[in-house]
Amino acid sequence: MKNFVVKTIANAGALAVAVWLLDKITLTGDSTGKKIGTLILVALIFGVVNFLVKPIVKLFSLPLLILTLGLFTLVVNALMLLLTSWLADKLDLSFHVDGFWTAVLGGLIISIVSWALNVILPDGD
């Protein structure tokens, strides 16, 4: 359970960095507390999407992953971020990613920051 909480906090932090760096990834809210709550909920959605959907997409895109020596992973990460944005919109959360190329750059930022935070933060294992 502790590992799940640490990964969710790392994802929320990575999403916050992407929102801060990229103008076309938006997070709106009345107060800082509401924005933090939205970030945590979006991080949970992002975690579920990466847990359930990403392995299936990677399996079906395996030939492209091999052909591009893994660079197609950037496209898969972008699609997962766009799916998270779409689900957040359906759940009436104020998180939006505007465009595919923004999602590619956002996915790259989120991957790097999330990896760094997972190295720094303690896990339950």
N, C-alpha and C. Protein backbone atom coordinates (compact mmCIF):
# COMPACT_ATOMS: atom_id res chain seq x y z
N MET A 1 0.83 -1.20 0.00
CA MET A 1 0.00 0.00 0.00
C MET A 1 0.87 1.26 0.00
N LYS A 2 1.97 1.22 0.76
CA LYS A 2 2.86 2.37 0.83
C LYS A 2 3.48 2.65 -0.54
N ASN A 3 3.81 1.60 -1.28
CA ASN A 3 4.38 1.75 -2.62
C ASN A 3 3.38 2.43 -3.56
N PHE A 4 2.11 2.09 -3.45
CA PHE A 4 1.06 2.70 -4.26
C PHE A 4 0.95 4.19 -3.96
N VAL A 5 1.00 4.55 -2.69
CA VAL A 5 0.91 5.96 -2.29
C VAL A 5 2.12 6.73 -2.80
N VAL A 6 3.31 6.14 -2.69
CA VAL A 6 4.53 6.80 -3.15
C VAL A 6 4.47 7.02 -4.66
N LYS A 7 4.02 6.02 -5.41
CA LYS A 7 3.93 6.16 -6.87
C LYS A 7 2.89 7.20 -7.26
N THR A 8 1.79 7.26 -6.52
CA THR A 8 0.77 8.27 -6.81
C THR A 8 1.29 9.67 -6.53
N ILE A 9 2.02 9.84 -5.43
CA ILE A 9 2.61 11.14 -5.12
C ILE A 9 3.65 11.52 -6.17
N ALA A 10 4.44 10.55 -6.61
CA ALA A 10 5.44 10.82 -7.65
C ALA A 10 4.75 11.22 -8.96
N ASN A 11 3.68 10.53 -9.32
CA ASN A 11 2.93 10.89 -10.54
C ASN A 11 2.32 12.28 -10.41
N ALA A 12 1.78 12.60 -9.24
CA ALA A 12 1.19 13.93 -9.03
C ALA A 12 2.27 15.01 -9.15
N GLY A 13 3.43 14.76 -8.58
CA GLY A 13 4.53 15.72 -8.70
C GLY A 13 4.99 15.88 -10.13
N ALA A 14 5.07 14.77 -10.85
CA ALA A 14 5.48 14.82 -12.26
C ALA A 14 4.44 15.56 -13.11
N LEU A 15 3.16 15.33 -12.83
CA LEU A 15 2.11 16.06 -13.54
C LEU A 15 2.18 17.55 -13.22
N ALA A 16 2.49 17.89 -11.97
CA ALA A 16 2.60 19.29 -11.57
C ALA A 16 3.74 19.97 -12.32
N VAL A 17 4.85 19.28 -12.49
CA VAL A 17 5.99 19.85 -13.22
C VAL A 17 5.61 20.06 -14.69
N ALA A 18 4.90 19.10 -15.28
CA ALA A 18 4.47 19.24 -16.67
C ALA A 18 3.50 20.41 -16.83
N VAL A 19 2.59 20.57 -15.88
CA VAL A 19 1.66 21.71 -15.92
C VAL A 19 2.42 23.02 -15.80
N TRP A 20 3.44 23.03 -14.95
CA TRP A 20 4.23 24.24 -14.72
C TRP A 20 5.07 24.61 -15.95
N LEU A 21 5.63 23.61 -16.63
CA LEU A 21 6.53 23.87 -17.75
C LEU A 21 5.82 24.12 -19.08
N LEU A 22 4.68 23.49 -19.29
CA LEU A 22 4.01 23.56 -20.59
C LEU A 22 2.71 24.36 -20.48
N ASP A 23 2.58 25.36 -21.33
CA ASP A 23 1.38 26.22 -21.30
C ASP A 23 0.12 25.49 -21.76
N LYS A 24 0.30 24.49 -22.62
CA LYS A 24 -0.87 23.81 -23.18
C LYS A 24 -1.35 22.62 -22.35
N ILE A 25 -0.73 22.39 -21.22
CA ILE A 25 -1.27 21.44 -20.24
C ILE A 25 -1.79 22.31 -19.10
N THR A 26 -3.09 22.30 -18.92
CA THR A 26 -3.70 23.23 -17.98
C THR A 26 -4.34 22.51 -16.81
N LEU A 27 -4.25 23.17 -15.68
CA LEU A 27 -4.89 22.72 -14.44
C LEU A 27 -5.49 23.97 -13.82
N THR A 28 -6.80 24.00 -13.72
CA THR A 28 -7.46 25.17 -13.16
C THR A 28 -8.14 24.80 -11.85
N GLY A 29 -8.29 25.80 -11.03
CA GLY A 29 -8.95 25.58 -9.74
C GLY A 29 -9.01 26.89 -8.98
N ASP A 30 -9.91 26.95 -8.01
CA ASP A 30 -10.11 28.16 -7.23
C ASP A 30 -8.99 28.38 -6.23
N SER A 31 -8.50 27.31 -5.65
CA SER A 31 -7.49 27.44 -4.60
C SER A 31 -6.39 26.42 -4.81
N THR A 32 -5.32 26.59 -4.05
CA THR A 32 -4.19 25.66 -4.14
C THR A 32 -4.61 24.27 -3.67
N GLY A 33 -5.43 24.20 -2.63
CA GLY A 33 -5.90 22.90 -2.13
C GLY A 33 -6.72 22.16 -3.17
N LYS A 34 -7.55 22.87 -3.90
CA LYS A 34 -8.36 22.24 -4.95
C LYS A 34 -7.47 21.75 -6.09
N LYS A 35 -6.44 22.53 -6.43
CA LYS A 35 -5.51 22.11 -7.48
C LYS A 35 -4.74 20.86 -7.05
N ILE A 36 -4.32 20.81 -5.79
CA ILE A 36 -3.60 19.63 -5.30
C ILE A 36 -4.50 18.41 -5.32
N GLY A 37 -5.74 18.58 -4.90
CA GLY A 37 -6.70 17.47 -4.94
C GLY A 37 -6.94 16.98 -6.36
N THR A 38 -7.06 17.92 -7.29
CA THR A 38 -7.24 17.55 -8.69
C THR A 38 -6.01 16.82 -9.22
N LEU A 39 -4.83 17.31 -8.85
CA LEU A 39 -3.59 16.64 -9.29
C LEU A 39 -3.52 15.21 -8.76
N ILE A 40 -3.92 14.99 -7.53
CA ILE A 40 -3.88 13.64 -6.97
C ILE A 40 -4.89 12.74 -7.67
N LEU A 41 -6.08 13.26 -7.95
CA LEU A 41 -7.08 12.46 -8.68
C LEU A 41 -6.62 12.15 -10.10
N VAL A 42 -6.02 13.13 -10.76
CA VAL A 42 -5.50 12.90 -12.12
C VAL A 42 -4.34 11.91 -12.07
N ALA A 43 -3.51 11.99 -11.03
CA ALA A 43 -2.42 11.02 -10.88
C ALA A 43 -2.96 9.61 -10.69
N LEU A 44 -4.05 9.47 -9.95
CA LEU A 44 -4.68 8.15 -9.80
C LEU A 44 -5.20 7.64 -11.14
N ILE A 45 -5.85 8.52 -11.90
CA ILE A 45 -6.35 8.12 -13.22
C ILE A 45 -5.18 7.74 -14.12
N PHE A 46 -4.13 8.53 -14.09
CA PHE A 46 -2.94 8.26 -14.90
C PHE A 46 -2.32 6.91 -14.52
N GLY A 47 -2.27 6.63 -13.23
CA GLY A 47 -1.74 5.34 -12.77
C GLY A 47 -2.58 4.16 -13.24
N VAL A 48 -3.90 4.32 -13.18
CA VAL A 48 -4.80 3.24 -13.63
C VAL A 48 -4.67 3.04 -15.14
N VAL A 49 -4.61 4.15 -15.88
CA VAL A 49 -4.45 4.06 -17.34
C VAL A 49 -3.14 3.36 -17.68
N ASN A 50 -2.06 3.74 -17.00
CA ASN A 50 -0.76 3.11 -17.26
C ASN A 50 -0.74 1.65 -16.83
N PHE A 51 -1.51 1.29 -15.82
CA PHE A 51 -1.54 -0.09 -15.35
C PHE A 51 -2.40 -0.98 -16.25
N LEU A 52 -3.54 -0.46 -16.70
CA LEU A 52 -4.48 -1.29 -17.46
C LEU A 52 -4.32 -1.20 -18.98
N VAL A 53 -4.17 0.00 -19.49
CA VAL A 53 -4.22 0.21 -20.95
C VAL A 53 -2.84 0.13 -21.59
N LYS A 54 -1.84 0.70 -20.94
CA LYS A 54 -0.51 0.80 -21.55
C LYS A 54 0.09 -0.55 -21.94
N PRO A 55 -0.01 -1.61 -21.12
CA PRO A 55 0.55 -2.90 -21.56
C PRO A 55 -0.12 -3.45 -22.82
N ILE A 56 -1.41 -3.22 -22.95
CA ILE A 56 -2.14 -3.70 -24.13
C ILE A 56 -1.67 -2.94 -25.37
N VAL A 57 -1.55 -1.61 -25.24
CA VAL A 57 -1.10 -0.79 -26.37
C VAL A 57 0.33 -1.16 -26.75
N LYS A 58 1.18 -1.38 -25.76
CA LYS A 58 2.57 -1.77 -26.05
C LYS A 58 2.63 -3.13 -26.75
N LEU A 59 1.78 -4.04 -26.36
CA LEU A 59 1.75 -5.36 -27.00
C LEU A 59 1.36 -5.24 -28.47
N PHE A 60 0.32 -4.47 -28.75
CA PHE A 60 -0.12 -4.32 -30.13
C PHE A 60 0.84 -3.49 -30.97
N SER A 61 1.62 -2.63 -30.33
CA SER A 61 2.56 -1.81 -31.08
C SER A 61 3.99 -2.36 -31.01
N LEU A 62 4.14 -3.60 -30.60
CA LEU A 62 5.46 -4.20 -30.45
C LEU A 62 6.30 -4.12 -31.73
N PRO A 63 5.74 -4.39 -32.90
CA PRO A 63 6.58 -4.25 -34.10
C PRO A 63 7.11 -2.83 -34.29
N LEU A 64 6.29 -1.82 -34.01
CA LEU A 64 6.76 -0.44 -34.12
C LEU A 64 7.79 -0.11 -33.05
N LEU A 65 7.62 -0.65 -31.86
CA LEU A 65 8.60 -0.44 -30.79
C LEU A 65 9.96 -1.02 -31.18
N ILE A 66 9.95 -2.20 -31.79
CA ILE A 66 11.20 -2.83 -32.21
C ILE A 66 11.80 -2.07 -33.39
N LEU A 67 10.96 -1.69 -34.35
CA LEU A 67 11.44 -0.99 -35.54
C LEU A 67 12.07 0.36 -35.20
N THR A 68 11.50 1.06 -34.22
CA THR A 68 12.01 2.39 -33.86
C THR A 68 12.98 2.33 -32.68
N LEU A 69 13.39 1.13 -32.29
CA LEU A 69 14.32 0.94 -31.17
C LEU A 69 13.80 1.57 -29.88
N GLY A 70 12.50 1.50 -29.69
CA GLY A 70 11.89 1.97 -28.45
C GLY A 70 11.41 3.40 -28.48
N LEU A 71 11.71 4.16 -29.52
CA LEU A 71 11.29 5.55 -29.57
C LEU A 71 9.77 5.70 -29.69
N PHE A 72 9.10 4.67 -30.17
CA PHE A 72 7.64 4.70 -30.26
C PHE A 72 7.02 4.76 -28.87
N THR A 73 7.79 4.46 -27.84
CA THR A 73 7.31 4.57 -26.46
C THR A 73 6.88 6.00 -26.15
N LEU A 74 7.54 6.99 -26.76
CA LEU A 74 7.13 8.38 -26.58
C LEU A 74 5.70 8.61 -27.07
N VAL A 75 5.37 7.97 -28.18
CA VAL A 75 4.01 8.09 -28.72
C VAL A 75 3.02 7.38 -27.80
N VAL A 76 3.39 6.22 -27.29
CA VAL A 76 2.51 5.49 -26.36
C VAL A 76 2.28 6.31 -25.10
N ASN A 77 3.34 6.91 -24.56
CA ASN A 77 3.18 7.76 -23.37
C ASN A 77 2.29 8.96 -23.65
N ALA A 78 2.43 9.54 -24.85
CA ALA A 78 1.57 10.67 -25.22
C ALA A 78 0.11 10.24 -25.30
N LEU A 79 -0.13 9.08 -25.87
CA LEU A 79 -1.51 8.59 -25.96
C LEU A 79 -2.10 8.32 -24.58
N MET A 80 -1.28 7.83 -23.65
CA MET A 80 -1.76 7.59 -22.29
C MET A 80 -2.09 8.92 -21.59
N LEU A 81 -1.30 9.95 -21.86
CA LEU A 81 -1.57 11.26 -21.28
C LEU A 81 -2.83 11.88 -21.89
N LEU A 82 -3.02 11.71 -23.19
CA LEU A 82 -4.24 12.20 -23.83
C LEU A 82 -5.47 11.45 -23.32
N LEU A 83 -5.34 10.14 -23.12
CA LEU A 83 -6.45 9.36 -22.56
C LEU A 83 -6.77 9.81 -21.14
N THR A 84 -5.73 10.11 -20.36
CA THR A 84 -5.94 10.61 -19.01
C THR A 84 -6.66 11.96 -19.05
N SER A 85 -6.27 12.83 -19.97
CA SER A 85 -6.92 14.13 -20.12
C SER A 85 -8.39 13.95 -20.49
N TRP A 86 -8.67 13.04 -21.39
CA TRP A 86 -10.05 12.78 -21.81
C TRP A 86 -10.88 12.24 -20.65
N LEU A 87 -10.32 11.29 -19.89
CA LEU A 87 -11.04 10.75 -18.74
C LEU A 87 -11.25 11.81 -17.66
N ALA A 88 -10.26 12.66 -17.45
CA ALA A 88 -10.41 13.74 -16.47
C ALA A 88 -11.53 14.69 -16.89
N ASP A 89 -11.64 14.95 -18.20
CA ASP A 89 -12.72 15.79 -18.69
C ASP A 89 -14.08 15.12 -18.46
N LYS A 90 -14.15 13.83 -18.69
CA LYS A 90 -15.41 13.10 -18.46
C LYS A 90 -15.79 13.06 -16.98
N LEU A 91 -14.79 13.08 -16.09
CA LEU A 91 -15.04 13.08 -14.66
C LEU A 91 -15.13 14.49 -14.09
N ASP A 92 -15.16 15.48 -14.97
CA ASP A 92 -15.30 16.89 -14.62
C ASP A 92 -14.15 17.40 -13.74
N LEU A 93 -12.95 16.93 -14.05
CA LEU A 93 -11.74 17.43 -13.39
C LEU A 93 -11.12 18.49 -14.29
N SER A 94 -10.51 19.47 -13.71
CA SER A 94 -10.00 20.61 -14.48
C SER A 94 -8.56 20.40 -14.94
N PHE A 95 -8.34 19.32 -15.68
CA PHE A 95 -7.02 19.00 -16.24
C PHE A 95 -7.20 18.77 -17.73
N HIS A 96 -6.38 19.44 -18.54
CA HIS A 96 -6.53 19.30 -19.99
C HIS A 96 -5.17 19.37 -20.69
N VAL A 97 -4.98 18.48 -21.65
CA VAL A 97 -3.79 18.49 -22.51
C VAL A 97 -4.26 18.87 -23.90
N ASP A 98 -3.67 19.93 -24.45
CA ASP A 98 -4.10 20.47 -25.73
C ASP A 98 -3.14 20.06 -26.85
N GLY A 99 -3.45 18.97 -27.53
CA GLY A 99 -2.69 18.59 -28.70
C GLY A 99 -1.74 17.42 -28.48
N PHE A 100 -1.46 16.74 -29.60
CA PHE A 100 -0.62 15.55 -29.56
C PHE A 100 0.82 15.87 -29.21
N TRP A 101 1.41 16.91 -29.83
CA TRP A 101 2.81 17.21 -29.59
C TRP A 101 3.05 17.72 -28.18
N THR A 102 2.07 18.40 -27.63
CA THR A 102 2.14 18.79 -26.23
C THR A 102 2.13 17.54 -25.35
N ALA A 103 1.33 16.56 -25.73
CA ALA A 103 1.27 15.31 -24.97
C ALA A 103 2.59 14.54 -25.07
N VAL A 104 3.24 14.59 -26.24
CA VAL A 104 4.54 13.92 -26.39
C VAL A 104 5.56 14.55 -25.45
N LEU A 105 5.64 15.87 -25.47
CA LEU A 105 6.58 16.57 -24.59
C LEU A 105 6.20 16.40 -23.12
N GLY A 106 4.91 16.47 -22.84
CA GLY A 106 4.44 16.26 -21.47
C GLY A 106 4.72 14.85 -20.97
N GLY A 107 4.52 13.87 -21.83
CA GLY A 107 4.83 12.48 -21.46
C GLY A 107 6.30 12.28 -21.16
N LEU A 108 7.15 12.94 -21.94
CA LEU A 108 8.59 12.87 -21.70
C LEU A 108 8.96 13.51 -20.36
N ILE A 109 8.40 14.68 -20.09
CA ILE A 109 8.65 15.37 -18.83
C ILE A 109 8.16 14.53 -17.66
N ILE A 110 6.95 14.00 -17.78
CA ILE A 110 6.37 13.19 -16.69
C ILE A 110 7.21 11.94 -16.45
N SER A 111 7.67 11.30 -17.51
CA SER A 111 8.50 10.09 -17.34
C SER A 111 9.79 10.39 -16.60
N ILE A 112 10.46 11.47 -16.98
CA ILE A 112 11.74 11.81 -16.35
C ILE A 112 11.54 12.21 -14.89
N VAL A 113 10.57 13.09 -14.63
CA VAL A 113 10.34 13.56 -13.26
C VAL A 113 9.84 12.42 -12.38
N SER A 114 8.95 11.60 -12.90
CA SER A 114 8.43 10.48 -12.12
C SER A 114 9.54 9.50 -11.77
N TRP A 115 10.42 9.22 -12.73
CA TRP A 115 11.55 8.34 -12.45
C TRP A 115 12.44 8.93 -11.35
N ALA A 116 12.74 10.23 -11.46
CA ALA A 116 13.60 10.87 -10.46
C ALA A 116 12.95 10.86 -9.08
N LEU A 117 11.65 11.13 -9.02
CA LEU A 117 10.96 11.12 -7.73
C LEU A 117 10.87 9.71 -7.15
N ASN A 118 10.69 8.71 -8.00
CA ASN A 118 10.66 7.33 -7.50
C ASN A 118 12.02 6.89 -6.97
N VAL A 119 13.10 7.46 -7.50
CA VAL A 119 14.44 7.16 -6.98
C VAL A 119 14.62 7.81 -5.61
N ILE A 120 14.14 9.05 -5.48
CA ILE A 120 14.32 9.81 -4.24
C ILE A 120 13.40 9.34 -3.13
N LEU A 121 12.12 9.14 -3.46
CA LEU A 121 11.14 8.79 -2.43
C LEU A 121 11.30 7.33 -2.00
N PRO A 122 11.10 7.04 -0.73
CA PRO A 122 11.20 5.65 -0.27
C PRO A 122 9.98 4.85 -0.73
N ASP A 123 10.20 3.58 -0.97
CA ASP A 123 9.07 2.72 -1.31
C ASP A 123 8.88 1.66 -0.24
N GLY A 124 7.76 0.96 -0.33
CA GLY A 124 7.41 0.00 0.71
C GLY A 124 8.08 -1.35 0.57
N ASP A 125 8.81 -1.57 -0.51
CA ASP A 125 9.41 -2.89 -0.73
C ASP A 125 10.76 -3.04 -0.09
